[in-house]
Amino acid sequence: MKKVLLPIFTLFIMLFALNNRANAQTPYRTAIGLGIDIGNGETLFGPQIKHNFGGNDAVNAQVLFGDHITVLGVDYSYNERISGSRGLSWYVGVGPQVSFFDYDKGYKHNHWKNDDTHVDFAIRPALGLEFRIPAAPLAMHFDWKPWWNLSHGAHFEPSNFTLGLKFVLK
């Protein structure tokens, strides 16, 4: 597990070290907060960080936790402000997810039957809205984020969504 967390930690450090300035397309440069993944199945929650590289490009990284599962994910997104609004933007993106499952003996899940532990790889597209509160260092998002599992019981789950509340650092 430590070998997996080291690259994620390195990514966080690199994002904070960047000195790129976001232009008018992005309402902030870097924000950290809490992400919640809801939908068909287990609700997951955990920390996330979003960094806008300027223009329309951003990266969002998250570590989500639930019963018997930890999910690491990084998403690229194309972001654009909605003209005429203050702080509202839309985005579309995609990114890989790695899920670590650890079930107690005897626990059975509908996709994985009798396995105790395993790792899944998935691709997660996203389509959403984000609102940066103009007078406060806060942002929130809501998106449709289906889960396309590519390994160990491969399947597509379209009814997943994420919510997030972030504190804007810069």
C-alpha atoms as a PDB file:
ATOM      1  CA  MET A   1       0.000   0.000   0.000  1.00  0.00           C
ATOM      2  CA  LYS A   2       2.912   2.368   0.758  1.00  0.00           C
ATOM      3  CA  LYS A   3       4.178   1.933  -2.826  1.00  0.00           C
ATOM      4  CA  VAL A   4       0.800   3.125  -4.115  1.00  0.00           C
ATOM      5  CA  LEU A   5       0.522   6.120  -1.775  1.00  0.00           C
ATOM      6  CA  LEU A   6       3.992   7.483  -2.600  1.00  0.00           C
ATOM      7  CA  PRO A   7       3.126   8.465  -6.221  1.00  0.00           C
ATOM      8  CA  ILE A   8      -0.121  10.106  -5.041  1.00  0.00           C
ATOM      9  CA  PHE A   9       1.757  12.052  -2.343  1.00  0.00           C
ATOM     10  CA  THR A  10       4.359  13.103  -4.944  1.00  0.00           C
ATOM     11  CA  LEU A  11       1.557  14.347  -7.212  1.00  0.00           C
ATOM     12  CA  PHE A  12       0.146  16.501  -4.405  1.00  0.00           C
ATOM     13  CA  ILE A  13       3.578  18.049  -3.752  1.00  0.00           C
ATOM     14  CA  MET A  14       4.110  18.741  -7.455  1.00  0.00           C
ATOM     15  CA  LEU A  15       0.732  20.418  -7.775  1.00  0.00           C
ATOM     16  CA  PHE A  16       1.465  22.770  -4.883  1.00  0.00           C
ATOM     17  CA  ALA A  17       4.912  23.569  -6.280  1.00  0.00           C
ATOM     18  CA  LEU A  18       3.614  24.676  -9.675  1.00  0.00           C
ATOM     19  CA  ASN A  19       3.665  28.397 -10.270  1.00  0.00           C
ATOM     20  CA  ASN A  20       1.354  28.544 -13.272  1.00  0.00           C
ATOM     21  CA  ARG A  21      -1.236  31.269 -13.106  1.00  0.00           C
ATOM     22  CA  ALA A  22      -4.806  30.330 -14.106  1.00  0.00           C
ATOM     23  CA  ASN A  23      -6.455  32.653 -16.613  1.00  0.00           C
ATOM     24  CA  ALA A  24     -10.076  33.782 -16.761  1.00  0.00           C
ATOM     25  CA  GLN A  25     -11.422  30.306 -17.665  1.00  0.00           C
ATOM     26  CA  THR A  26     -10.735  28.908 -14.210  1.00  0.00           C
ATOM     27  CA  PRO A  27     -12.163  30.455 -11.020  1.00  0.00           C
ATOM     28  CA  TYR A  28      -9.169  29.351  -8.906  1.00  0.00           C
ATOM     29  CA  ARG A  29      -5.810  27.627  -9.185  1.00  0.00           C
ATOM     30  CA  THR A  30      -5.784  25.020  -6.383  1.00  0.00           C
ATOM     31  CA  ALA A  31      -8.428  23.760  -3.962  1.00  0.00           C
ATOM     32  CA  ILE A  32      -8.596  20.913  -1.430  1.00  0.00           C
ATOM     33  CA  GLY A  33     -11.637  19.338   0.131  1.00  0.00           C
ATOM     34  CA  LEU A  34     -13.932  16.382   0.602  1.00  0.00           C
ATOM     35  CA  GLY A  35     -15.378  14.243  -2.183  1.00  0.00           C
ATOM     36  CA  ILE A  36     -18.395  11.951  -1.840  1.00  0.00           C
ATOM     37  CA  ASP A  37     -19.170   9.231  -4.398  1.00  0.00           C
ATOM     38  CA  ILE A  38     -22.812   8.114  -4.375  1.00  0.00           C
ATOM     39  CA  GLY A  39     -24.983   5.924  -6.564  1.00  0.00           C
ATOM     40  CA  ASN A  40     -25.630   2.261  -7.112  1.00  0.00           C
ATOM     41  CA  GLY A  41     -23.557   0.545  -4.480  1.00  0.00           C
ATOM     42  CA  GLU A  42     -21.514   1.777  -1.568  1.00  0.00           C
ATOM     43  CA  THR A  43     -21.104   5.458  -0.687  1.00  0.00           C
ATOM     44  CA  LEU A  44     -17.444   6.479  -0.648  1.00  0.00           C
ATOM     45  CA  PHE A  45     -15.872   9.619   0.798  1.00  0.00           C
ATOM     46  CA  GLY A  46     -12.426  11.110   1.240  1.00  0.00           C
ATOM     47  CA  PRO A  47     -10.000  13.941   0.527  1.00  0.00           C
ATOM     48  CA  GLN A  48      -9.482  15.450  -2.897  1.00  0.00           C
ATOM     49  CA  ILE A  49      -7.382  18.144  -4.532  1.00  0.00           C
ATOM     50  CA  LYS A  50      -8.044  20.001  -7.777  1.00  0.00           C
ATOM     51  CA  HIS A  51      -5.438  22.037  -9.620  1.00  0.00           C
ATOM     52  CA  ASN A  52      -6.130  24.226 -12.651  1.00  0.00           C
ATOM     53  CA  PHE A  53      -3.147  24.555 -14.960  1.00  0.00           C
ATOM     54  CA  GLY A  54      -4.472  27.655 -16.697  1.00  0.00           C
ATOM     55  CA  GLY A  55      -6.811  27.901 -19.619  1.00  0.00           C
ATOM     56  CA  ASN A  56      -9.328  25.082 -19.461  1.00  0.00           C
ATOM     57  CA  ASP A  57      -7.149  22.219 -18.136  1.00  0.00           C
ATOM     58  CA  ALA A  58      -7.376  20.813 -14.620  1.00  0.00           C
ATOM     59  CA  VAL A  59      -6.464  17.673 -12.674  1.00  0.00           C
ATOM     60  CA  ASN A  60      -8.440  16.298  -9.739  1.00  0.00           C
ATOM     61  CA  ALA A  61      -6.963  13.611  -7.451  1.00  0.00           C
ATOM     62  CA  GLN A  62      -8.862  11.809  -4.715  1.00  0.00           C
ATOM     63  CA  VAL A  63      -8.592   9.024  -2.170  1.00  0.00           C
ATOM     64  CA  LEU A  64     -12.031   7.598  -1.310  1.00  0.00           C
ATOM     65  CA  PHE A  65     -12.882   5.229   1.523  1.00  0.00           C
ATOM     66  CA  GLY A  66     -15.797   2.902   2.249  1.00  0.00           C
ATOM     67  CA  ASP A  67     -16.438  -0.421   3.990  1.00  0.00           C
ATOM     68  CA  HIS A  68     -13.831  -2.867   2.706  1.00  0.00           C
ATOM     69  CA  ILE A  69     -12.696  -0.523  -0.130  1.00  0.00           C
ATOM     70  CA  THR A  70     -10.151   2.227  -0.806  1.00  0.00           C
ATOM     71  CA  VAL A  71     -10.172   3.987  -4.189  1.00  0.00           C
ATOM     72  CA  LEU A  72      -7.340   6.089  -5.634  1.00  0.00           C
ATOM     73  CA  GLY A  73      -8.147   8.196  -8.667  1.00  0.00           C
ATOM     74  CA  VAL A  74      -6.807  11.000 -10.843  1.00  0.00           C
ATOM     75  CA  ASP A  75      -8.956  12.764 -13.442  1.00  0.00           C
ATOM     76  CA  TYR A  76      -8.179  15.214 -16.226  1.00  0.00           C
ATOM     77  CA  SER A  77     -10.967  17.706 -16.955  1.00  0.00           C
ATOM     78  CA  TYR A  78     -11.732  20.382 -19.499  1.00  0.00           C
ATOM     79  CA  ASN A  79     -13.361  23.308 -17.636  1.00  0.00           C
ATOM     80  CA  GLU A  80     -15.239  26.297 -18.981  1.00  0.00           C
ATOM     81  CA  ARG A  81     -17.099  29.100 -17.276  1.00  0.00           C
ATOM     82  CA  ILE A  82     -20.755  29.576 -18.065  1.00  0.00           C
ATOM     83  CA  SER A  83     -21.007  33.084 -19.515  1.00  0.00           C
ATOM     84  CA  GLY A  84     -23.207  35.478 -17.611  1.00  0.00           C
ATOM     85  CA  SER A  85     -22.793  33.616 -14.324  1.00  0.00           C
ATOM     86  CA  ARG A  86     -20.547  34.490 -11.399  1.00  0.00           C
ATOM     87  CA  GLY A  87     -18.498  31.468 -10.415  1.00  0.00           C
ATOM     88  CA  LEU A  88     -20.432  28.738 -12.265  1.00  0.00           C
ATOM     89  CA  SER A  89     -18.606  26.481 -14.721  1.00  0.00           C
ATOM     90  CA  TRP A  90     -19.098  23.134 -16.428  1.00  0.00           C
ATOM     91  CA  TYR A  91     -16.529  20.417 -17.009  1.00  0.00           C
ATOM     92  CA  VAL A  92     -16.029  17.126 -18.771  1.00  0.00           C
ATOM     93  CA  GLY A  93     -13.233  14.708 -17.990  1.00  0.00           C
ATOM     94  CA  VAL A  94     -11.948  11.189 -17.571  1.00  0.00           C
ATOM     95  CA  GLY A  95      -9.448   9.364 -15.426  1.00  0.00           C
ATOM     96  CA  PRO A  96      -8.207   6.025 -14.093  1.00  0.00           C
ATOM     97  CA  GLN A  97      -9.260   4.596 -10.732  1.00  0.00           C
ATOM     98  CA  VAL A  98      -7.620   1.831  -8.713  1.00  0.00           C
ATOM     99  CA  SER A  99      -9.792   0.114  -6.081  1.00  0.00           C
ATOM    100  CA  PHE A 100      -8.426  -2.006  -3.247  1.00  0.00           C
ATOM    101  CA  PHE A 101     -10.981  -4.446  -1.792  1.00  0.00           C
ATOM    102  CA  ASP A 102     -10.500  -6.312   1.486  1.00  0.00           C
ATOM    103  CA  TYR A 103     -13.491  -8.439   2.471  1.00  0.00           C
ATOM    104  CA  ASP A 104     -13.706 -10.520   5.607  1.00  0.00           C
ATOM    105  CA  LYS A 105     -14.086 -14.264   5.185  1.00  0.00           C
ATOM    106  CA  GLY A 106     -17.683 -15.181   4.485  1.00  0.00           C
ATOM    107  CA  TYR A 107     -18.660 -11.767   3.068  1.00  0.00           C
ATOM    108  CA  LYS A 108     -20.123 -12.046  -0.429  1.00  0.00           C
ATOM    109  CA  HIS A 109     -20.588  -9.174  -2.852  1.00  0.00           C
ATOM    110  CA  ASN A 110     -22.737  -9.529  -5.954  1.00  0.00           C
ATOM    111  CA  HIS A 111     -19.819  -8.903  -8.376  1.00  0.00           C
ATOM    112  CA  TRP A 112     -16.973 -10.718  -6.617  1.00  0.00           C
ATOM    113  CA  LYS A 113     -18.485 -13.777  -4.965  1.00  0.00           C
ATOM    114  CA  ASN A 114     -16.004 -15.459  -2.574  1.00  0.00           C
ATOM    115  CA  ASP A 115     -12.819 -13.377  -2.999  1.00  0.00           C
ATOM    116  CA  ASP A 116     -11.292 -11.949   0.163  1.00  0.00           C
ATOM    117  CA  THR A 117      -8.982  -9.311  -1.338  1.00  0.00           C
ATOM    118  CA  HIS A 118      -8.350  -7.971  -4.834  1.00  0.00           C
ATOM    119  CA  VAL A 119      -7.508  -4.867  -6.857  1.00  0.00           C
ATOM    120  CA  ASP A 120      -9.722  -3.451  -9.621  1.00  0.00           C
ATOM    121  CA  PHE A 121      -8.866  -0.999 -12.365  1.00  0.00           C
ATOM    122  CA  ALA A 122     -11.506   1.320 -13.804  1.00  0.00           C
ATOM    123  CA  ILE A 123     -12.009   4.288 -16.096  1.00  0.00           C
ATOM    124  CA  ARG A 124     -14.388   7.006 -14.911  1.00  0.00           C
ATOM    125  CA  PRO A 125     -15.669   9.677 -17.251  1.00  0.00           C
ATOM    126  CA  ALA A 126     -17.233  12.761 -15.629  1.00  0.00           C
ATOM    127  CA  LEU A 127     -19.663  15.484 -16.673  1.00  0.00           C
ATOM    128  CA  GLY A 128     -20.482  18.127 -14.094  1.00  0.00           C
ATOM    129  CA  LEU A 129     -21.004  21.598 -12.736  1.00  0.00           C
ATOM    130  CA  GLU A 130     -18.790  23.482 -10.322  1.00  0.00           C
ATOM    131  CA  PHE A 131     -19.626  26.645  -8.395  1.00  0.00           C
ATOM    132  CA  ARG A 132     -17.003  28.908  -6.826  1.00  0.00           C
ATOM    133  CA  ILE A 133     -18.638  31.148  -4.234  1.00  0.00           C
ATOM    134  CA  PRO A 134     -17.471  34.605  -5.374  1.00  0.00           C
ATOM    135  CA  ALA A 135     -17.164  36.190  -1.905  1.00  0.00           C
ATOM    136  CA  ALA A 136     -15.654  33.178  -0.126  1.00  0.00           C
ATOM    137  CA  PRO A 137     -12.764  30.739  -0.647  1.00  0.00           C
ATOM    138  CA  LEU A 138     -15.196  27.849  -1.223  1.00  0.00           C
ATOM    139  CA  ALA A 139     -16.156  25.791  -4.264  1.00  0.00           C
ATOM    140  CA  MET A 140     -18.554  22.891  -4.710  1.00  0.00           C
ATOM    141  CA  HIS A 141     -19.245  20.464  -7.508  1.00  0.00           C
ATOM    142  CA  PHE A 142     -21.772  17.866  -8.623  1.00  0.00           C
ATOM    143  CA  ASP A 143     -21.154  15.463 -11.478  1.00  0.00           C
ATOM    144  CA  TRP A 144     -22.297  12.327 -13.188  1.00  0.00           C
ATOM    145  CA  LYS A 145     -19.378   9.925 -12.926  1.00  0.00           C
ATOM    146  CA  PRO A 146     -20.140   6.402 -14.200  1.00  0.00           C
ATOM    147  CA  TRP A 147     -17.862   3.545 -13.206  1.00  0.00           C
ATOM    148  CA  TRP A 148     -16.427   1.385 -16.006  1.00  0.00           C
ATOM    149  CA  ASN A 149     -14.615  -1.481 -14.293  1.00  0.00           C
ATOM    150  CA  LEU A 150     -11.988  -3.061 -16.572  1.00  0.00           C
ATOM    151  CA  SER A 151     -10.868  -5.969 -14.411  1.00  0.00           C
ATOM    152  CA  HIS A 152     -12.082  -8.686 -12.086  1.00  0.00           C
ATOM    153  CA  GLY A 153     -15.777  -8.881 -12.900  1.00  0.00           C
ATOM    154  CA  ALA A 154     -15.683  -6.220 -15.645  1.00  0.00           C
ATOM    155  CA  HIS A 155     -18.905  -4.200 -15.780  1.00  0.00           C
ATOM    156  CA  PHE A 156     -20.278  -0.709 -16.429  1.00  0.00           C
ATOM    157  CA  GLU A 157     -22.218   1.122 -13.716  1.00  0.00           C
ATOM    158  CA  PRO A 158     -23.876   4.277 -15.120  1.00  0.00           C
ATOM    159  CA  SER A 159     -25.669   5.438 -11.955  1.00  0.00           C
ATOM    160  CA  ASN A 160     -22.779   6.954  -9.981  1.00  0.00           C
ATOM    161  CA  PHE A 161     -22.409  10.626  -9.030  1.00  0.00           C
ATOM    162  CA  THR A 162     -19.957  12.672  -7.004  1.00  0.00           C
ATOM    163  CA  LEU A 163     -20.399  15.669  -4.744  1.00  0.00           C
ATOM    164  CA  GLY A 164     -17.605  17.797  -3.421  1.00  0.00           C
ATOM    165  CA  LEU A 165     -16.881  20.753  -1.206  1.00  0.00           C
ATOM    166  CA  LYS A 166     -13.481  22.399  -1.566  1.00  0.00           C
ATOM    167  CA  PHE A 167     -11.522  25.144   0.185  1.00  0.00           C
ATOM    168  CA  VAL A 168      -9.776  27.364  -2.387  1.00  0.00           C
ATOM    169  CA  LEU A 169      -6.092  27.845  -1.599  1.00  0.00           C
ATOM    170  CA  LYS A 170      -5.165  30.140  -4.528  1.00  0.00           C
END
